[in-house]
Amino acid sequence: MALHRQWHIGGWPAILLAPVGIFVAILVQLFVWLFGLKNSADLTPEDVLRYLEDFVEGRGGDWDWDDFTGIPITDPFLERIREEAASVELPLTENGRATLRQLAEQIRAR
C-alpha cells in the first residue's frame, strides 16, 4: 500500500497560522474598503444592450460575451438581465437568440 503524501498543515502550526490568515483577510477587506474596489461593473443600459446585440449578430471580440456574463453588474435590473443572458445555452440557437432579443427589448422598454 502506498503512503498518502498530500501536504497539509495540522496541529499547533495550524493553530498558530490561523491568526495570521485572519489578519490578512481583514487587511484585504480594509484595502478594498479604503480604495473603493468592488467586484461589480458599472454598466449602463446602453452597454448591456450593445453586448446583447453584438452577441446575437455575431459581432464583437472573442472574449466580449465571457466578460459580460462573468462579471456582476451593480444595477439590480441589469444584473437580472445579465443572469438570464448567461443562462442561454451555447452554441446559440434560434431560441437563444429570441431570448436575448427579448432581454434587449426589456432594456429598451425601461
PDB file of N, CA and C in Angstrom:
ATOM      1  N   MET A   1       0.842  -1.169   0.000  1.00  0.00           N
ATOM      2  CA  MET A   1       0.000   0.000   0.000  1.00  0.00           C
ATOM      3  C   MET A   1       0.890   1.237   0.000  1.00  0.00           C
ATOM      4  N   ALA A   2       0.564   2.206  -0.872  1.00  0.00           N
ATOM      5  CA  ALA A   2       1.351   3.430  -0.991  1.00  0.00           C
ATOM      6  C   ALA A   2       0.935   4.424   0.093  1.00  0.00           C
ATOM      7  N   LEU A   3       1.902   5.192   0.515  1.00  0.00           N
ATOM      8  CA  LEU A   3       1.621   6.226   1.503  1.00  0.00           C
ATOM      9  C   LEU A   3       0.991   7.430   0.818  1.00  0.00           C
ATOM     10  N   HIS A   4       0.058   8.033   1.506  1.00  0.00           N
ATOM     11  CA  HIS A   4      -0.582   9.248   1.005  1.00  0.00           C
ATOM     12  C   HIS A   4       0.332  10.416   1.323  1.00  0.00           C
ATOM     13  N   ARG A   5       0.806  11.130   0.326  1.00  0.00           N
ATOM     14  CA  ARG A   5       1.794  12.192   0.546  1.00  0.00           C
ATOM     15  C   ARG A   5       1.257  13.565   0.189  1.00  0.00           C
ATOM     16  N   GLN A   6       0.042  13.869   0.578  1.00  0.00           N
ATOM     17  CA  GLN A   6      -0.506  15.194   0.337  1.00  0.00           C
ATOM     18  C   GLN A   6      -0.032  16.121   1.440  1.00  0.00           C
ATOM     19  N   TRP A   7       0.431  17.308   1.054  1.00  0.00           N
ATOM     20  CA  TRP A   7       0.955  18.263   2.011  1.00  0.00           C
ATOM     21  C   TRP A   7      -0.184  18.990   2.693  1.00  0.00           C
ATOM     22  N   HIS A   8      -0.119  19.132   4.001  1.00  0.00           N
ATOM     23  CA  HIS A   8      -1.107  19.876   4.760  1.00  0.00           C
ATOM     24  C   HIS A   8      -0.490  20.334   6.073  1.00  0.00           C
ATOM     25  N   ILE A   9      -1.153  21.289   6.689  1.00  0.00           N
ATOM     26  CA  ILE A   9      -0.708  21.792   7.981  1.00  0.00           C
ATOM     27  C   ILE A   9      -1.736  21.371   9.015  1.00  0.00           C
ATOM     28  N   GLY A  10      -1.274  20.807  10.097  1.00  0.00           N
ATOM     29  CA  GLY A  10      -2.174  20.376  11.157  1.00  0.00           C
ATOM     30  C   GLY A  10      -1.567  20.652  12.517  1.00  0.00           C
ATOM     31  N   GLY A  11      -2.362  20.493  13.522  1.00  0.00           N
ATOM     32  CA  GLY A  11      -1.886  20.641  14.891  1.00  0.00           C
ATOM     33  C   GLY A  11      -1.544  22.068  15.252  1.00  0.00           C
ATOM     34  N   TRP A  12      -0.477  22.224  16.047  1.00  0.00           N
ATOM     35  CA  TRP A  12      -0.069  23.553  16.529  1.00  0.00           C
ATOM     36  C   TRP A  12       0.287  24.530  15.417  1.00  0.00           C
ATOM     37  N   PRO A  13       0.983  24.104  14.365  1.00  0.00           N
ATOM     38  CA  PRO A  13       1.272  25.073  13.296  1.00  0.00           C
ATOM     39  C   PRO A  13      -0.010  25.682  12.698  1.00  0.00           C
ATOM     40  N   ALA A  14      -1.044  24.868  12.559  1.00  0.00           N
ATOM     41  CA  ALA A  14      -2.303  25.387  12.021  1.00  0.00           C
ATOM     42  C   ALA A  14      -2.921  26.387  12.986  1.00  0.00           C
ATOM     43  N   ILE A  15      -2.875  26.088  14.250  1.00  0.00           N
ATOM     44  CA  ILE A  15      -3.425  26.988  15.264  1.00  0.00           C
ATOM     45  C   ILE A  15      -2.651  28.298  15.289  1.00  0.00           C
ATOM     46  N   LEU A  16      -1.343  28.229  15.125  1.00  0.00           N
ATOM     47  CA  LEU A  16      -0.529  29.437  15.137  1.00  0.00           C
ATOM     48  C   LEU A  16      -0.697  30.259  13.853  1.00  0.00           C
ATOM     49  N   LEU A  17      -0.995  29.609  12.733  1.00  0.00           N
ATOM     50  CA  LEU A  17      -1.164  30.324  11.468  1.00  0.00           C
ATOM     51  C   LEU A  17      -2.562  30.911  11.297  1.00  0.00           C
ATOM     52  N   ALA A  18      -3.528  30.432  12.028  1.00  0.00           N
ATOM     53  CA  ALA A  18      -4.904  30.932  11.897  1.00  0.00           C
ATOM     54  C   ALA A  18      -5.002  32.438  12.136  1.00  0.00           C
ATOM     55  N   PRO A  19      -4.390  32.984  13.200  1.00  0.00           N
ATOM     56  CA  PRO A  19      -4.466  34.443  13.375  1.00  0.00           C
ATOM     57  C   PRO A  19      -3.821  35.215  12.225  1.00  0.00           C
ATOM     58  N   VAL A  20      -2.786  34.663  11.644  1.00  0.00           N
ATOM     59  CA  VAL A  20      -2.146  35.323  10.504  1.00  0.00           C
ATOM     60  C   VAL A  20      -3.121  35.371   9.326  1.00  0.00           C
ATOM     61  N   GLY A  21      -3.820  34.267   9.068  1.00  0.00           N
ATOM     62  CA  GLY A  21      -4.794  34.230   7.984  1.00  0.00           C
ATOM     63  C   GLY A  21      -5.935  35.195   8.225  1.00  0.00           C
ATOM     64  N   ILE A  22      -6.399  35.267   9.456  1.00  0.00           N
ATOM     65  CA  ILE A  22      -7.481  36.198   9.790  1.00  0.00           C
ATOM     66  C   ILE A  22      -7.008  37.637   9.602  1.00  0.00           C
ATOM     67  N   PHE A  23      -5.795  37.942  10.050  1.00  0.00           N
ATOM     68  CA  PHE A  23      -5.237  39.280   9.889  1.00  0.00           C
ATOM     69  C   PHE A  23      -5.131  39.657   8.417  1.00  0.00           C
ATOM     70  N   VAL A  24      -4.662  38.754   7.590  1.00  0.00           N
ATOM     71  CA  VAL A  24      -4.535  39.017   6.153  1.00  0.00           C
ATOM     72  C   VAL A  24      -5.917  39.254   5.538  1.00  0.00           C
ATOM     73  N   ALA A  25      -6.928  38.472   5.923  1.00  0.00           N
ATOM     74  CA  ALA A  25      -8.275  38.658   5.396  1.00  0.00           C
ATOM     75  C   ALA A  25      -8.827  40.035   5.779  1.00  0.00           C
ATOM     76  N   ILE A  26      -8.610  40.451   7.014  1.00  0.00           N
ATOM     77  CA  ILE A  26      -9.057  41.770   7.458  1.00  0.00           C
ATOM     78  C   ILE A  26      -8.312  42.861   6.708  1.00  0.00           C
ATOM     79  N   LEU A  27      -7.027  42.686   6.510  1.00  0.00           N
ATOM     80  CA  LEU A  27      -6.219  43.658   5.786  1.00  0.00           C
ATOM     81  C   LEU A  27      -6.700  43.813   4.339  1.00  0.00           C
ATOM     82  N   VAL A  28      -7.016  42.718   3.689  1.00  0.00           N
ATOM     83  CA  VAL A  28      -7.526  42.767   2.312  1.00  0.00           C
ATOM     84  C   VAL A  28      -8.866  43.486   2.273  1.00  0.00           C
ATOM     85  N   GLN A  29      -9.755  43.168   3.217  1.00  0.00           N
ATOM     86  CA  GLN A  29     -11.063  43.820   3.253  1.00  0.00           C
ATOM     87  C   GLN A  29     -10.918  45.318   3.498  1.00  0.00           C
ATOM     88  N   LEU A  30     -10.008  45.715   4.364  1.00  0.00           N
ATOM     89  CA  LEU A  30      -9.747  47.125   4.637  1.00  0.00           C
ATOM     90  C   LEU A  30      -9.218  47.823   3.389  1.00  0.00           C
ATOM     91  N   PHE A  31      -8.321  47.173   2.666  1.00  0.00           N
ATOM     92  CA  PHE A  31      -7.772  47.703   1.428  1.00  0.00           C
ATOM     93  C   PHE A  31      -8.878  47.940   0.400  1.00  0.00           C
ATOM     94  N   VAL A  32      -9.787  46.970   0.273  1.00  0.00           N
ATOM     95  CA  VAL A  32     -10.913  47.090  -0.658  1.00  0.00           C
ATOM     96  C   VAL A  32     -11.794  48.268  -0.254  1.00  0.00           C
ATOM     97  N   TRP A  33     -12.080  48.410   1.029  1.00  0.00           N
ATOM     98  CA  TRP A  33     -12.936  49.482   1.513  1.00  0.00           C
ATOM     99  C   TRP A  33     -12.278  50.854   1.329  1.00  0.00           C
ATOM    100  N   LEU A  34     -10.998  50.978   1.638  1.00  0.00           N
ATOM    101  CA  LEU A  34     -10.306  52.258   1.542  1.00  0.00           C
ATOM    102  C   LEU A  34     -10.172  52.754   0.110  1.00  0.00           C
ATOM    103  N   PHE A  35      -9.899  51.859  -0.804  1.00  0.00           N
ATOM    104  CA  PHE A  35      -9.625  52.263  -2.177  1.00  0.00           C
ATOM    105  C   PHE A  35     -10.817  52.088  -3.099  1.00  0.00           C
ATOM    106  N   GLY A  36     -11.974  51.795  -2.542  1.00  0.00           N
ATOM    107  CA  GLY A  36     -13.197  51.736  -3.338  1.00  0.00           C
ATOM    108  C   GLY A  36     -13.236  50.625  -4.363  1.00  0.00           C
ATOM    109  N   LEU A  37     -12.509  49.549  -4.113  1.00  0.00           N
ATOM    110  CA  LEU A  37     -12.530  48.426  -5.041  1.00  0.00           C
ATOM    111  C   LEU A  37     -13.821  47.648  -4.842  1.00  0.00           C
ATOM    112  N   LYS A  38     -14.364  47.128  -5.920  1.00  0.00           N
ATOM    113  CA  LYS A  38     -15.576  46.336  -5.820  1.00  0.00           C
ATOM    114  C   LYS A  38     -15.555  45.240  -6.862  1.00  0.00           C
ATOM    115  N   ASN A  39     -16.486  44.326  -6.739  1.00  0.00           N
ATOM    116  CA  ASN A  39     -16.481  43.177  -7.641  1.00  0.00           C
ATOM    117  C   ASN A  39     -17.632  43.212  -8.642  1.00  0.00           C
ATOM    118  N   SER A  40     -18.135  44.417  -8.937  1.00  0.00           N
ATOM    119  CA  SER A  40     -19.187  44.533  -9.945  1.00  0.00           C
ATOM    120  C   SER A  40     -18.850  45.657 -10.917  1.00  0.00           C
ATOM    121  N   ALA A  41     -19.466  45.560 -12.084  1.00  0.00           N
ATOM    122  CA  ALA A  41     -19.217  46.552 -13.136  1.00  0.00           C
ATOM    123  C   ALA A  41     -20.337  47.583 -13.159  1.00  0.00           C
ATOM    124  N   ASP A  42     -19.987  48.836 -13.401  1.00  0.00           N
ATOM    125  CA  ASP A  42     -20.962  49.919 -13.513  1.00  0.00           C
ATOM    126  C   ASP A  42     -21.338  50.096 -14.982  1.00  0.00           C
ATOM    127  N   LEU A  43     -22.092  49.135 -15.519  1.00  0.00           N
ATOM    128  CA  LEU A  43     -22.509  49.211 -16.913  1.00  0.00           C
ATOM    129  C   LEU A  43     -23.817  49.984 -17.021  1.00  0.00           C
ATOM    130  N   THR A  44     -23.967  50.697 -18.113  1.00  0.00           N
ATOM    131  CA  THR A  44     -25.205  51.424 -18.395  1.00  0.00           C
ATOM    132  C   THR A  44     -26.136  50.504 -19.184  1.00  0.00           C
ATOM    133  N   PRO A  45     -27.421  50.860 -19.279  1.00  0.00           N
ATOM    134  CA  PRO A  45     -28.316  50.068 -20.131  1.00  0.00           C
ATOM    135  C   PRO A  45     -27.828  49.988 -21.576  1.00  0.00           C
ATOM    136  N   GLU A  46     -27.232  51.065 -22.075  1.00  0.00           N
ATOM    137  CA  GLU A  46     -26.701  51.059 -23.443  1.00  0.00           C
ATOM    138  C   GLU A  46     -25.557  50.053 -23.589  1.00  0.00           C
ATOM    139  N   ASP A  47     -24.704  49.949 -22.561  1.00  0.00           N
ATOM    140  CA  ASP A  47     -23.606  48.974 -22.598  1.00  0.00           C
ATOM    141  C   ASP A  47     -24.150  47.548 -22.686  1.00  0.00           C
ATOM    142  N   VAL A  48     -25.133  47.244 -21.844  1.00  0.00           N
ATOM    143  CA  VAL A  48     -25.706  45.902 -21.818  1.00  0.00           C
ATOM    144  C   VAL A  48     -26.414  45.612 -23.131  1.00  0.00           C
ATOM    145  N   LEU A  49     -27.127  46.582 -23.642  1.00  0.00           N
ATOM    146  CA  LEU A  49     -27.809  46.425 -24.926  1.00  0.00           C
ATOM    147  C   LEU A  49     -26.804  46.139 -26.042  1.00  0.00           C
ATOM    148  N   ARG A  50     -25.682  46.831 -26.026  1.00  0.00           N
ATOM    149  CA  ARG A  50     -24.639  46.606 -27.036  1.00  0.00           C
ATOM    150  C   ARG A  50     -24.077  45.187 -26.941  1.00  0.00           C
ATOM    151  N   TYR A  51     -23.823  44.710 -25.701  1.00  0.00           N
ATOM    152  CA  TYR A  51     -23.329  43.334 -25.538  1.00  0.00           C
ATOM    153  C   TYR A  51     -24.331  42.338 -26.127  1.00  0.00           C
ATOM    154  N   LEU A  52     -25.612  42.512 -25.793  1.00  0.00           N
ATOM    155  CA  LEU A  52     -26.631  41.584 -26.286  1.00  0.00           C
ATOM    156  C   LEU A  52     -26.735  41.615 -27.803  1.00  0.00           C
ATOM    157  N   GLU A  53     -26.804  42.809 -28.379  1.00  0.00           N
ATOM    158  CA  GLU A  53     -26.941  42.932 -29.837  1.00  0.00           C
ATOM    159  C   GLU A  53     -25.707  42.401 -30.558  1.00  0.00           C
ATOM    160  N   ASP A  54     -24.528  42.720 -30.040  1.00  0.00           N
ATOM    161  CA  ASP A  54     -23.302  42.227 -30.677  1.00  0.00           C
ATOM    162  C   ASP A  54     -23.248  40.705 -30.668  1.00  0.00           C
ATOM    163  N   PHE A  55     -23.679  40.093 -29.565  1.00  0.00           N
ATOM    164  CA  PHE A  55     -23.619  38.638 -29.488  1.00  0.00           C
ATOM    165  C   PHE A  55     -24.638  37.995 -30.426  1.00  0.00           C
ATOM    166  N   VAL A  56     -25.849  38.544 -30.476  1.00  0.00           N
ATOM    167  CA  VAL A  56     -26.882  37.986 -31.355  1.00  0.00           C
ATOM    168  C   VAL A  56     -26.469  38.118 -32.813  1.00  0.00           C
ATOM    169  N   GLU A  57     -25.848  39.242 -33.177  1.00  0.00           N
ATOM    170  CA  GLU A  57     -25.457  39.493 -34.569  1.00  0.00           C
ATOM    171  C   GLU A  57     -24.091  38.911 -34.929  1.00  0.00           C
ATOM    172  N   GLY A  58     -23.389  38.330 -33.958  1.00  0.00           N
ATOM    173  CA  GLY A  58     -22.088  37.731 -34.236  1.00  0.00           C
ATOM    174  C   GLY A  58     -20.956  38.737 -34.326  1.00  0.00           C
ATOM    175  N   ARG A  59     -21.179  39.932 -33.776  1.00  0.00           N
ATOM    176  CA  ARG A  59     -20.125  40.952 -33.760  1.00  0.00           C
ATOM    177  C   ARG A  59     -19.421  40.900 -32.412  1.00  0.00           C
ATOM    178  N   GLY A  60     -18.388  41.683 -32.287  1.00  0.00           N
ATOM    179  CA  GLY A  60     -17.681  41.768 -31.015  1.00  0.00           C
ATOM    180  C   GLY A  60     -16.466  40.867 -30.977  1.00  0.00           C
ATOM    181  N   GLY A  61     -15.685  41.024 -29.921  1.00  0.00           N
ATOM    182  CA  GLY A  61     -14.451  40.270 -29.767  1.00  0.00           C
ATOM    183  C   GLY A  61     -14.690  38.858 -29.251  1.00  0.00           C
ATOM    184  N   ASP A  62     -13.619  38.088 -29.266  1.00  0.00           N
ATOM    185  CA  ASP A  62     -13.694  36.693 -28.845  1.00  0.00           C
ATOM    186  C   ASP A  62     -14.127  36.535 -27.388  1.00  0.00           C
ATOM    187  N   TRP A  63     -13.738  37.451 -26.531  1.00  0.00           N
ATOM    188  CA  TRP A  63     -13.996  37.313 -25.102  1.00  0.00           C
ATOM    189  C   TRP A  63     -15.061  38.272 -24.586  1.00  0.00           C
ATOM    190  N   ASP A  64     -15.709  39.026 -25.459  1.00  0.00           N
ATOM    191  CA  ASP A  64     -16.706  40.002 -25.009  1.00  0.00           C
ATOM    192  C   ASP A  64     -17.856  39.342 -24.251  1.00  0.00           C
ATOM    193  N   TRP A  65     -18.390  38.242 -24.777  1.00  0.00           N
ATOM    194  CA  TRP A  65     -19.528  37.593 -24.121  1.00  0.00           C
ATOM    195  C   TRP A  65     -19.112  37.026 -22.771  1.00  0.00           C
ATOM    196  N   ASP A  66     -17.935  36.453 -22.714  1.00  0.00           N
ATOM    197  CA  ASP A  66     -17.432  35.922 -21.452  1.00  0.00           C
ATOM    198  C   ASP A  66     -17.244  37.039 -20.431  1.00  0.00           C
ATOM    199  N   ASP A  67     -16.726  38.176 -20.875  1.00  0.00           N
ATOM    200  CA  ASP A  67     -16.577  39.328 -19.974  1.00  0.00           C
ATOM    201  C   ASP A  67     -17.935  39.793 -19.459  1.00  0.00           C
ATOM    202  N   PHE A  68     -18.922  39.855 -20.340  1.00  0.00           N
ATOM    203  CA  PHE A  68     -20.255  40.316 -19.959  1.00  0.00           C
ATOM    204  C   PHE A  68     -20.915  39.357 -18.966  1.00  0.00           C
ATOM    205  N   THR A  69     -20.876  38.070 -19.262  1.00  0.00           N
ATOM    206  CA  THR A  69     -21.582  37.110 -18.412  1.00  0.00           C
ATOM    207  C   THR A  69     -20.820  36.768 -17.139  1.00  0.00           C
ATOM    208  N   GLY A  70     -19.530  37.063 -17.094  1.00  0.00           N
ATOM    209  CA  GLY A  70     -18.720  36.656 -15.954  1.00  0.00           C
ATOM    210  C   GLY A  70     -18.552  37.686 -14.855  1.00  0.00           C
ATOM    211  N   ILE A  71     -18.961  38.931 -15.090  1.00  0.00           N
ATOM    212  CA  ILE A  71     -18.754  39.985 -14.098  1.00  0.00           C
ATOM    213  C   ILE A  71     -20.109  40.555 -13.688  1.00  0.00           C
ATOM    214  N   PRO A  72     -20.459  40.488 -12.399  1.00  0.00           N
ATOM    215  CA  PRO A  72     -21.743  41.039 -11.949  1.00  0.00           C
ATOM    216  C   PRO A  72     -21.859  42.528 -12.260  1.00  0.00           C
ATOM    217  N   ILE A  73     -23.108  42.981 -12.406  1.00  0.00           N
ATOM    218  CA  ILE A  73     -23.395  44.386 -12.702  1.00  0.00           C
ATOM    219  C   ILE A  73     -24.009  45.019 -11.460  1.00  0.00           C
ATOM    220  N   THR A  74     -23.640  46.251 -11.175  1.00  0.00           N
ATOM    221  CA  THR A  74     -24.095  46.947  -9.977  1.00  0.00           C
ATOM    222  C   THR A  74     -25.605  47.166  -9.976  1.00  0.00           C
ATOM    223  N   ASP A  75     -26.175  47.583 -11.086  1.00  0.00           N
ATOM    224  CA  ASP A  75     -27.612  47.844 -11.201  1.00  0.00           C
ATOM    225  C   ASP A  75     -28.385  46.515 -11.121  1.00  0.00           C
ATOM    226  N   PRO A  76     -29.317  46.366 -10.153  1.00  0.00           N
ATOM    227  CA  PRO A  76     -30.035  45.097  -9.989  1.00  0.00           C
ATOM    228  C   PRO A  76     -30.847  44.682 -11.228  1.00  0.00           C
ATOM    229  N   PHE A  77     -31.473  45.630 -11.913  1.00  0.00           N
ATOM    230  CA  PHE A  77     -32.240  45.303 -13.119  1.00  0.00           C
ATOM    231  C   PHE A  77     -31.320  44.731 -14.199  1.00  0.00           C
ATOM    232  N   LEU A  78     -30.207  45.409 -14.441  1.00  0.00           N
ATOM    233  CA  LEU A  78     -29.262  44.947 -15.464  1.00  0.00           C
ATOM    234  C   LEU A  78     -28.584  43.648 -15.040  1.00  0.00           C
ATOM    235  N   GLU A  79     -28.394  43.460 -13.736  1.00  0.00           N
ATOM    236  CA  GLU A  79     -27.812  42.212 -13.236  1.00  0.00           C
ATOM    237  C   GLU A  79     -28.756  41.046 -13.521  1.00  0.00           C
ATOM    238  N   ARG A  80     -30.052  41.254 -13.349  1.00  0.00           N
ATOM    239  CA  ARG A  80     -31.028  40.203 -13.665  1.00  0.00           C
ATOM    240  C   ARG A  80     -30.979  39.869 -15.157  1.00  0.00           C
ATOM    241  N   ILE A  81     -30.864  40.896 -15.990  1.00  0.00           N
ATOM    242  CA  ILE A  81     -30.741  40.687 -17.443  1.00  0.00           C
ATOM    243  C   ILE A  81     -29.476  39.881 -17.742  1.00  0.00           C
ATOM    244  N   ARG A  82     -28.368  40.251 -17.101  1.00  0.00           N
ATOM    245  CA  ARG A  82     -27.096  39.539 -17.313  1.00  0.00           C
ATOM    246  C   ARG A  82     -27.220  38.072 -16.914  1.00  0.00           C
ATOM    247  N   GLU A  83     -27.856  37.820 -15.767  1.00  0.00           N
ATOM    248  CA  GLU A  83     -28.009  36.439 -15.298  1.00  0.00           C
ATOM    249  C   GLU A  83     -28.862  35.614 -16.264  1.00  0.00           C
ATOM    250  N   GLU A  84     -29.946  36.207 -16.757  1.00  0.00           N
ATOM    251  CA  GLU A  84     -30.786  35.498 -17.726  1.00  0.00           C
ATOM    252  C   GLU A  84     -30.034  35.254 -19.029  1.00  0.00           C
ATOM    253  N   ALA A  85     -29.258  36.237 -19.468  1.00  0.00           N
ATOM    254  CA  ALA A  85     -28.474  36.072 -20.696  1.00  0.00           C
ATOM    255  C   ALA A  85     -27.409  34.991 -20.515  1.00  0.00           C
ATOM    256  N   ALA A  86     -26.824  34.927 -19.339  1.00  0.00           N
ATOM    257  CA  ALA A  86     -25.786  33.925 -19.080  1.00  0.00           C
ATOM    258  C   ALA A  86     -26.360  32.510 -19.061  1.00  0.00           C
ATOM    259  N   SER A  87     -27.664  32.393 -18.799  1.00  0.00           N
ATOM    260  CA  SER A  87     -28.273  31.063 -18.748  1.00  0.00           C
ATOM    261  C   SER A  87     -28.618  30.509 -20.132  1.00  0.00           C
ATOM    262  N   VAL A  88     -28.480  31.319 -21.169  1.00  0.00           N
ATOM    263  CA  VAL A  88     -28.755  30.859 -22.538  1.00  0.00           C
ATOM    264  C   VAL A  88     -27.671  29.856 -22.928  1.00  0.00           C
ATOM    265  N   GLU A  89     -28.112  28.707 -23.445  1.00  0.00           N
ATOM    266  CA  GLU A  89     -27.155  27.663 -23.813  1.00  0.00           C
ATOM    267  C   GLU A  89     -26.377  28.042 -25.066  1.00  0.00           C
ATOM    268  N   LEU A  90     -25.119  27.647 -25.068  1.00  0.00           N
ATOM    269  CA  LEU A  90     -24.247  27.867 -26.216  1.00  0.00           C
ATOM    270  C   LEU A  90     -23.903  26.526 -26.823  1.00  0.00           C
ATOM    271  N   PRO A  91     -23.692  26.422 -28.116  1.00  0.00           N
ATOM    272  CA  PRO A  91     -23.758  27.471 -29.116  1.00  0.00           C
ATOM    273  C   PRO A  91     -25.176  28.008 -29.236  1.00  0.00           C
ATOM    274  N   LEU A  92     -25.254  29.235 -29.668  1.00  0.00           N
ATOM    275  CA  LEU A  92     -26.512  29.971 -29.704  1.00  0.00           C
ATOM    276  C   LEU A  92     -27.476  29.378 -30.735  1.00  0.00           C
ATOM    277  N   THR A  93     -28.673  29.063 -30.282  1.00  0.00           N
ATOM    278  CA  THR A  93     -29.720  28.539 -31.164  1.00  0.00           C
ATOM    279  C   THR A  93     -30.725  29.664 -31.444  1.00  0.00           C
ATOM    280  N   GLU A  94     -31.729  29.364 -32.252  1.00  0.00           N
ATOM    281  CA  GLU A  94     -32.765  30.363 -32.529  1.00  0.00           C
ATOM    282  C   GLU A  94     -33.537  30.715 -31.254  1.00  0.00           C
ATOM    283  N   ASN A  95     -33.782  29.725 -30.397  1.00  0.00           N
ATOM    284  CA  ASN A  95     -34.447  30.005 -29.121  1.00  0.00           C
ATOM    285  C   ASN A  95     -33.582  30.929 -28.258  1.00  0.00           C
ATOM    286  N   GLY A  96     -32.290  30.684 -28.267  1.00  0.00           N
ATOM    287  CA  GLY A  96     -31.374  31.533 -27.508  1.00  0.00           C
ATOM    288  C   GLY A  96     -31.350  32.951 -28.049  1.00  0.00           C
ATOM    289  N   ARG A  97     -31.323  33.072 -29.367  1.00  0.00           N
ATOM    290  CA  ARG A  97     -31.372  34.403 -29.991  1.00  0.00           C
ATOM    291  C   ARG A  97     -32.653  35.137 -29.612  1.00  0.00           C
ATOM    292  N   ALA A  98     -33.777  34.415 -29.630  1.00  0.00           N
ATOM    293  CA  ALA A  98     -35.064  35.019 -29.280  1.00  0.00           C
ATOM    294  C   ALA A  98     -35.048  35.488 -27.821  1.00  0.00           C
ATOM    295  N   THR A  99     -34.475  34.695 -26.951  1.00  0.00           N
ATOM    296  CA  THR A  99     -34.382  35.080 -25.536  1.00  0.00           C
ATOM    297  C   THR A  99     -33.563  36.343 -25.383  1.00  0.00           C
ATOM    298  N   LEU A 100     -32.414  36.413 -26.059  1.00  0.00           N
ATOM    299  CA  LEU A 100     -31.556  37.596 -25.955  1.00  0.00           C
ATOM    300  C   LEU A 100     -32.238  38.816 -26.559  1.00  0.00           C
ATOM    301  N   ARG A 101     -32.994  38.635 -27.628  1.00  0.00           N
ATOM    302  CA  ARG A 101     -33.738  39.761 -28.205  1.00  0.00           C
ATOM    303  C   ARG A 101     -34.816  40.254 -27.244  1.00  0.00           C
ATOM    304  N   GLN A 102     -35.482  39.329 -26.552  1.00  0.00           N
ATOM    305  CA  GLN A 102     -36.490  39.719 -25.558  1.00  0.00           C
ATOM    306  C   GLN A 102     -35.850  40.500 -24.413  1.00  0.00           C
ATOM    307  N   LEU A 103     -34.674  40.069 -23.988  1.00  0.00           N
ATOM    308  CA  LEU A 103     -33.966  40.793 -22.928  1.00  0.00           C
ATOM    309  C   LEU A 103     -33.600  42.202 -23.397  1.00  0.00           C
ATOM    310  N   ALA A 104     -33.185  42.308 -24.651  1.00  0.00           N
ATOM    311  CA  ALA A 104     -32.851  43.623 -25.201  1.00  0.00           C
ATOM    312  C   ALA A 104     -34.092  44.511 -25.234  1.00  0.00           C
ATOM    313  N   GLU A 105     -35.234  43.934 -25.560  1.00  0.00           N
ATOM    314  CA  GLU A 105     -36.479  44.709 -25.582  1.00  0.00           C
ATOM    315  C   GLU A 105     -36.854  45.176 -24.175  1.00  0.00           C
ATOM    316  N   GLN A 106     -36.590  44.379 -23.169  1.00  0.00           N
ATOM    317  CA  GLN A 106     -36.865  44.790 -21.791  1.00  0.00           C
ATOM    318  C   GLN A 106     -36.034  46.016 -21.419  1.00  0.00           C
ATOM    319  N   ILE A 107     -34.799  46.051 -21.901  1.00  0.00           N
ATOM    320  CA  ILE A 107     -33.937  47.201 -21.627  1.00  0.00           C
ATOM    321  C   ILE A 107     -34.467  48.437 -22.356  1.00  0.00           C
ATOM    322  N   ARG A 108     -34.836  48.272 -23.610  1.00  0.00           N
ATOM    323  CA  ARG A 108     -35.352  49.410 -24.388  1.00  0.00           C
ATOM    324  C   ARG A 108     -36.650  49.960 -23.785  1.00  0.00           C
ATOM    325  N   ALA A 109     -37.492  49.071 -23.244  1.00  0.00           N
ATOM    326  CA  ALA A 109     -38.785  49.472 -22.692  1.00  0.00           C
ATOM    327  C   ALA A 109     -38.646  50.218 -21.358  1.00  0.00           C
ATOM    328  N   ARG A 110     -37.536  50.078 -20.720  1.00  0.00           N
ATOM    329  CA  ARG A 110     -37.349  50.694 -19.406  1.00  0.00           C
ATOM    330  C   ARG A 110     -37.053  52.159 -19.514  1.00  0.00           C
TER     331      ARG A 110
END
